[in-house]
Amino acid sequence: MAEPITLARPYAKAVFEAAKEHDAVDSWDQALAFVGLLAANKAVKNILANPGLSEQRKAELFFETAEEQMPEALRNFLLILAENKRLALLPEISTMFAFYRAELERTVNMNVSTAYEMTPEEQQHLAEALSRKLERKVILETAVDRSLIGGVVVNSGDMVIDASIRGKLAKMAKALGS
């Protein structure tokens, strides 16, 4: 069986292209994030997996939950997903849409872990340095991890920059153990 992200990709790409064409990327991103979170909810997952409910009814449950927040285009998209038995892919579709948006806007979200709280000036300096290096606008998500001892660990997707004391000690221990 194919991976959910693989199945979600053509839907995400199609809706992204349509949103881009209608200059509605931001509103679609928000709407898909909402229905994606809804579909990721455990109770909703159980409903979507229920073979006793028609796909049409499952889509209608999204409409009822969102009430007035749901534009007609999103309703139509959900009906297409329901018709193809793909409503459960909404979290992955939302993720892929956000990825396509970040590519379009040349932005990247980066998680930064430090041993101590970073000041706003330090965060800005790090974001600017990473922006120059990556040639993209960098949006930082910061967290404190006291086990790092000092330094910083930056990651985004499969890229990891470990400039922490803990990381350096681990490298040294590995080199000495060889």
C-alpha atoms as a PDB file:
ATOM      1  CA  MET A   1       0.000   0.000   0.000  1.00  0.00           C
ATOM      2  CA  ALA A   2       1.266   3.474  -0.834  1.00  0.00           C
ATOM      3  CA  GLU A   3       2.330   5.899   1.884  1.00  0.00           C
ATOM      4  CA  PRO A   4      -0.299   8.507   2.827  1.00  0.00           C
ATOM      5  CA  ILE A   5       2.014  11.386   1.859  1.00  0.00           C
ATOM      6  CA  THR A   6       2.427   9.846  -1.599  1.00  0.00           C
ATOM      7  CA  LEU A   7      -1.328   9.556  -2.022  1.00  0.00           C
ATOM      8  CA  ALA A   8      -1.824  13.118  -0.712  1.00  0.00           C
ATOM      9  CA  ARG A   9       0.740  14.759  -3.016  1.00  0.00           C
ATOM     10  CA  PRO A  10      -1.371  15.044  -6.217  1.00  0.00           C
ATOM     11  CA  TYR A  11      -4.327  16.468  -4.273  1.00  0.00           C
ATOM     12  CA  ALA A  12      -2.111  18.967  -2.462  1.00  0.00           C
ATOM     13  CA  LYS A  13      -0.393  19.977  -5.690  1.00  0.00           C
ATOM     14  CA  ALA A  14      -3.693  20.428  -7.552  1.00  0.00           C
ATOM     15  CA  VAL A  15      -5.304  22.507  -4.806  1.00  0.00           C
ATOM     16  CA  PHE A  16      -2.103  24.542  -4.403  1.00  0.00           C
ATOM     17  CA  GLU A  17      -1.981  25.360  -8.109  1.00  0.00           C
ATOM     18  CA  ALA A  18      -5.659  26.365  -8.051  1.00  0.00           C
ATOM     19  CA  ALA A  19      -5.130  28.520  -4.949  1.00  0.00           C
ATOM     20  CA  LYS A  20      -2.105  30.172  -6.550  1.00  0.00           C
ATOM     21  CA  GLU A  21      -4.078  30.856  -9.722  1.00  0.00           C
ATOM     22  CA  HIS A  22      -6.821  32.581  -7.701  1.00  0.00           C
ATOM     23  CA  ASP A  23      -4.360  34.426  -5.425  1.00  0.00           C
ATOM     24  CA  ALA A  24      -5.802  32.579  -2.437  1.00  0.00           C
ATOM     25  CA  VAL A  25      -2.804  30.643  -1.104  1.00  0.00           C
ATOM     26  CA  ASP A  26      -3.061  32.142   2.383  1.00  0.00           C
ATOM     27  CA  SER A  27      -6.772  31.458   2.841  1.00  0.00           C
ATOM     28  CA  TRP A  28      -6.410  27.902   1.479  1.00  0.00           C
ATOM     29  CA  ASP A  29      -3.439  27.269   3.764  1.00  0.00           C
ATOM     30  CA  GLN A  30      -5.506  28.325   6.784  1.00  0.00           C
ATOM     31  CA  ALA A  31      -8.554  26.329   5.696  1.00  0.00           C
ATOM     32  CA  LEU A  32      -6.532  23.182   4.996  1.00  0.00           C
ATOM     33  CA  ALA A  33      -4.701  23.551   8.309  1.00  0.00           C
ATOM     34  CA  PHE A  34      -8.091  23.650  10.046  1.00  0.00           C
ATOM     35  CA  VAL A  35      -9.571  20.597   8.306  1.00  0.00           C
ATOM     36  CA  GLY A  36      -6.199  18.826   8.548  1.00  0.00           C
ATOM     37  CA  LEU A  37      -6.173  19.243  12.324  1.00  0.00           C
ATOM     38  CA  LEU A  38      -9.770  18.157  12.460  1.00  0.00           C
ATOM     39  CA  ALA A  39      -9.036  15.009  10.435  1.00  0.00           C
ATOM     40  CA  ALA A  40      -6.022  14.217  12.641  1.00  0.00           C
ATOM     41  CA  ASN A  41      -8.239  14.123  15.740  1.00  0.00           C
ATOM     42  CA  LYS A  42      -8.588  10.571  17.073  1.00  0.00           C
ATOM     43  CA  ALA A  43     -12.396  10.668  17.227  1.00  0.00           C
ATOM     44  CA  VAL A  44     -12.596  12.033  13.676  1.00  0.00           C
ATOM     45  CA  LYS A  45     -10.160   9.365  12.465  1.00  0.00           C
ATOM     46  CA  ASN A  46     -12.517   6.740  13.886  1.00  0.00           C
ATOM     47  CA  ILE A  47     -15.451   8.339  12.073  1.00  0.00           C
ATOM     48  CA  LEU A  48     -13.505   8.435   8.792  1.00  0.00           C
ATOM     49  CA  ALA A  49     -12.606   4.769   9.203  1.00  0.00           C
ATOM     50  CA  ASN A  50     -16.227   3.770   9.874  1.00  0.00           C
ATOM     51  CA  PRO A  51     -17.448   1.712   6.900  1.00  0.00           C
ATOM     52  CA  GLY A  52     -21.059   2.204   8.029  1.00  0.00           C
ATOM     53  CA  LEU A  53     -21.003   5.896   7.049  1.00  0.00           C
ATOM     54  CA  SER A  54     -21.133   6.966   3.432  1.00  0.00           C
ATOM     55  CA  GLU A  55     -18.266   9.071   2.139  1.00  0.00           C
ATOM     56  CA  GLN A  56     -20.783  11.849   1.415  1.00  0.00           C
ATOM     57  CA  ARG A  57     -21.895  11.831   5.069  1.00  0.00           C
ATOM     58  CA  LYS A  58     -18.294  11.953   6.261  1.00  0.00           C
ATOM     59  CA  ALA A  59     -17.724  15.082   4.165  1.00  0.00           C
ATOM     60  CA  GLU A  60     -20.943  16.603   5.506  1.00  0.00           C
ATOM     61  CA  LEU A  61     -19.617  16.142   9.048  1.00  0.00           C
ATOM     62  CA  PHE A  62     -16.712  18.447   8.120  1.00  0.00           C
ATOM     63  CA  PHE A  63     -19.189  21.003   6.779  1.00  0.00           C
ATOM     64  CA  GLU A  64     -21.237  20.870   9.982  1.00  0.00           C
ATOM     65  CA  THR A  65     -18.171  21.248  12.172  1.00  0.00           C
ATOM     66  CA  ALA A  66     -16.763  24.211  10.265  1.00  0.00           C
ATOM     67  CA  GLU A  67     -20.176  25.895   9.811  1.00  0.00           C
ATOM     68  CA  GLU A  68     -19.690  29.301   8.165  1.00  0.00           C
ATOM     69  CA  GLN A  69     -15.890  29.083   7.956  1.00  0.00           C
ATOM     70  CA  MET A  70     -15.974  26.798   4.950  1.00  0.00           C
ATOM     71  CA  PRO A  71     -15.792  28.447   1.523  1.00  0.00           C
ATOM     72  CA  GLU A  72     -17.611  26.770  -1.362  1.00  0.00           C
ATOM     73  CA  ALA A  73     -14.328  25.814  -3.055  1.00  0.00           C
ATOM     74  CA  LEU A  74     -13.205  23.945   0.071  1.00  0.00           C
ATOM     75  CA  ARG A  75     -16.572  22.185   0.272  1.00  0.00           C
ATOM     76  CA  ASN A  76     -16.115  21.038  -3.331  1.00  0.00           C
ATOM     77  CA  PHE A  77     -12.569  19.873  -2.602  1.00  0.00           C
ATOM     78  CA  LEU A  78     -13.769  17.849   0.395  1.00  0.00           C
ATOM     79  CA  LEU A  79     -16.495  16.291  -1.751  1.00  0.00           C
ATOM     80  CA  ILE A  80     -13.873  15.246  -4.315  1.00  0.00           C
ATOM     81  CA  LEU A  81     -11.762  13.727  -1.534  1.00  0.00           C
ATOM     82  CA  ALA A  82     -14.836  11.936  -0.172  1.00  0.00           C
ATOM     83  CA  GLU A  83     -15.750  10.613  -3.600  1.00  0.00           C
ATOM     84  CA  ASN A  84     -12.238   9.162  -3.902  1.00  0.00           C
ATOM     85  CA  LYS A  85     -12.204   7.909  -0.278  1.00  0.00           C
ATOM     86  CA  ARG A  86      -9.336  10.246   0.605  1.00  0.00           C
ATOM     87  CA  LEU A  87     -10.708  12.376   3.468  1.00  0.00           C
ATOM     88  CA  ALA A  88      -8.307  10.655   5.869  1.00  0.00           C
ATOM     89  CA  LEU A  89      -5.441  12.199   3.868  1.00  0.00           C
ATOM     90  CA  LEU A  90      -6.338  15.755   4.929  1.00  0.00           C
ATOM     91  CA  PRO A  91      -3.478  16.065   7.474  1.00  0.00           C
ATOM     92  CA  GLU A  92      -0.937  15.061   4.814  1.00  0.00           C
ATOM     93  CA  ILE A  93      -2.571  17.283   2.185  1.00  0.00           C
ATOM     94  CA  SER A  94      -2.341  20.215   4.598  1.00  0.00           C
ATOM     95  CA  THR A  95       1.331  19.446   5.286  1.00  0.00           C
ATOM     96  CA  MET A  96       2.166  19.222   1.581  1.00  0.00           C
ATOM     97  CA  PHE A  97       0.250  22.439   0.840  1.00  0.00           C
ATOM     98  CA  ALA A  98       2.253  24.243   3.550  1.00  0.00           C
ATOM     99  CA  PHE A  99       5.443  22.852   1.985  1.00  0.00           C
ATOM    100  CA  TYR A 100       4.474  24.144  -1.475  1.00  0.00           C
ATOM    101  CA  ARG A 101       3.614  27.527   0.041  1.00  0.00           C
ATOM    102  CA  ALA A 102       6.987  27.720   1.797  1.00  0.00           C
ATOM    103  CA  GLU A 103       8.704  26.899  -1.497  1.00  0.00           C
ATOM    104  CA  LEU A 104       6.736  29.620  -3.284  1.00  0.00           C
ATOM    105  CA  GLU A 105       7.477  32.207  -0.599  1.00  0.00           C
ATOM    106  CA  ARG A 106      11.052  30.981  -0.120  1.00  0.00           C
ATOM    107  CA  THR A 107      10.578  30.508   3.611  1.00  0.00           C
ATOM    108  CA  VAL A 108      11.717  27.775   5.943  1.00  0.00           C
ATOM    109  CA  ASN A 109      10.663  26.962   9.496  1.00  0.00           C
ATOM    110  CA  MET A 110      13.577  25.970  11.687  1.00  0.00           C
ATOM    111  CA  ASN A 111      13.524  24.491  15.167  1.00  0.00           C
ATOM    112  CA  VAL A 112      16.262  25.871  17.401  1.00  0.00           C
ATOM    113  CA  SER A 113      17.171  24.249  20.709  1.00  0.00           C
ATOM    114  CA  THR A 114      19.513  26.004  23.115  1.00  0.00           C
ATOM    115  CA  ALA A 115      20.671  25.284  26.650  1.00  0.00           C
ATOM    116  CA  TYR A 116      19.392  28.681  27.762  1.00  0.00           C
ATOM    117  CA  GLU A 117      16.646  31.071  26.634  1.00  0.00           C
ATOM    118  CA  MET A 118      17.731  33.157  23.627  1.00  0.00           C
ATOM    119  CA  THR A 119      17.177  36.908  23.702  1.00  0.00           C
ATOM    120  CA  PRO A 120      15.135  38.441  20.868  1.00  0.00           C
ATOM    121  CA  GLU A 121      18.367  39.989  19.539  1.00  0.00           C
ATOM    122  CA  GLU A 122      20.107  36.595  19.478  1.00  0.00           C
ATOM    123  CA  GLN A 123      17.114  35.061  17.713  1.00  0.00           C
ATOM    124  CA  GLN A 124      17.113  37.840  15.128  1.00  0.00           C
ATOM    125  CA  HIS A 125      20.869  37.531  14.568  1.00  0.00           C
ATOM    126  CA  LEU A 126      20.608  33.730  14.133  1.00  0.00           C
ATOM    127  CA  ALA A 127      17.604  34.068  11.787  1.00  0.00           C
ATOM    128  CA  GLU A 128      19.468  36.612   9.649  1.00  0.00           C
ATOM    129  CA  ALA A 129      22.612  34.440   9.479  1.00  0.00           C
ATOM    130  CA  LEU A 130      20.568  31.363   8.499  1.00  0.00           C
ATOM    131  CA  SER A 131      18.588  33.431   5.959  1.00  0.00           C
ATOM    132  CA  ARG A 132      21.811  34.513   4.253  1.00  0.00           C
ATOM    133  CA  LYS A 133      23.181  30.977   4.255  1.00  0.00           C
ATOM    134  CA  LEU A 134      19.979  29.332   2.973  1.00  0.00           C
ATOM    135  CA  GLU A 135      18.859  32.226   0.757  1.00  0.00           C
ATOM    136  CA  ARG A 136      15.382  31.981   2.285  1.00  0.00           C
ATOM    137  CA  LYS A 137      13.398  33.780   4.936  1.00  0.00           C
ATOM    138  CA  VAL A 138      13.888  31.808   8.155  1.00  0.00           C
ATOM    139  CA  ILE A 139      11.165  31.502  10.777  1.00  0.00           C
ATOM    140  CA  LEU A 140      12.540  30.267  14.098  1.00  0.00           C
ATOM    141  CA  GLU A 141      10.747  28.081  16.624  1.00  0.00           C
ATOM    142  CA  THR A 142      12.841  28.104  19.809  1.00  0.00           C
ATOM    143  CA  ALA A 143      13.003  25.673  22.698  1.00  0.00           C
ATOM    144  CA  VAL A 144      15.228  25.280  25.745  1.00  0.00           C
ATOM    145  CA  ASP A 145      17.012  21.949  26.245  1.00  0.00           C
ATOM    146  CA  ARG A 146      19.296  22.082  29.294  1.00  0.00           C
ATOM    147  CA  SER A 147      20.930  18.767  28.299  1.00  0.00           C
ATOM    148  CA  LEU A 148      22.753  20.580  25.473  1.00  0.00           C
ATOM    149  CA  ILE A 149      25.015  22.163  28.137  1.00  0.00           C
ATOM    150  CA  GLY A 150      25.722  25.067  25.764  1.00  0.00           C
ATOM    151  CA  GLY A 151      25.552  25.988  22.086  1.00  0.00           C
ATOM    152  CA  VAL A 152      22.682  25.375  19.720  1.00  0.00           C
ATOM    153  CA  VAL A 153      20.994  22.648  17.657  1.00  0.00           C
ATOM    154  CA  VAL A 154      19.140  23.822  14.553  1.00  0.00           C
ATOM    155  CA  ASN A 155      16.970  21.504  12.494  1.00  0.00           C
ATOM    156  CA  SER A 156      14.485  21.676   9.688  1.00  0.00           C
ATOM    157  CA  GLY A 157      13.259  18.579   7.933  1.00  0.00           C
ATOM    158  CA  ASP A 158      16.260  16.336   7.414  1.00  0.00           C
ATOM    159  CA  MET A 159      18.847  19.096   7.946  1.00  0.00           C
ATOM    160  CA  VAL A 160      20.466  19.221  11.405  1.00  0.00           C
ATOM    161  CA  ILE A 161      23.178  21.605  12.548  1.00  0.00           C
ATOM    162  CA  ASP A 162      24.499  20.472  15.928  1.00  0.00           C
ATOM    163  CA  ALA A 163      26.752  23.152  17.410  1.00  0.00           C
ATOM    164  CA  SER A 164      26.038  22.123  21.009  1.00  0.00           C
ATOM    165  CA  ILE A 165      28.534  21.199  23.708  1.00  0.00           C
ATOM    166  CA  ARG A 166      26.718  17.866  24.101  1.00  0.00           C
ATOM    167  CA  GLY A 167      27.151  17.174  20.380  1.00  0.00           C
ATOM    168  CA  LYS A 168      30.831  18.067  20.460  1.00  0.00           C
ATOM    169  CA  LEU A 169      31.404  15.844  23.494  1.00  0.00           C
ATOM    170  CA  ALA A 170      29.622  12.957  21.744  1.00  0.00           C
ATOM    171  CA  LYS A 171      31.849  13.397  18.662  1.00  0.00           C
ATOM    172  CA  MET A 172      34.940  13.477  20.868  1.00  0.00           C
ATOM    173  CA  ALA A 173      33.842  10.337  22.746  1.00  0.00           C
ATOM    174  CA  LYS A 174      33.228   8.550  19.451  1.00  0.00           C
ATOM    175  CA  ALA A 175      36.637   9.572  18.112  1.00  0.00           C
ATOM    176  CA  LEU A 176      38.372   8.411  21.291  1.00  0.00           C
ATOM    177  CA  GLY A 177      36.439   5.136  21.242  1.00  0.00           C
ATOM    178  CA  SER A 178      37.560   4.344  17.663  1.00  0.00           C
END
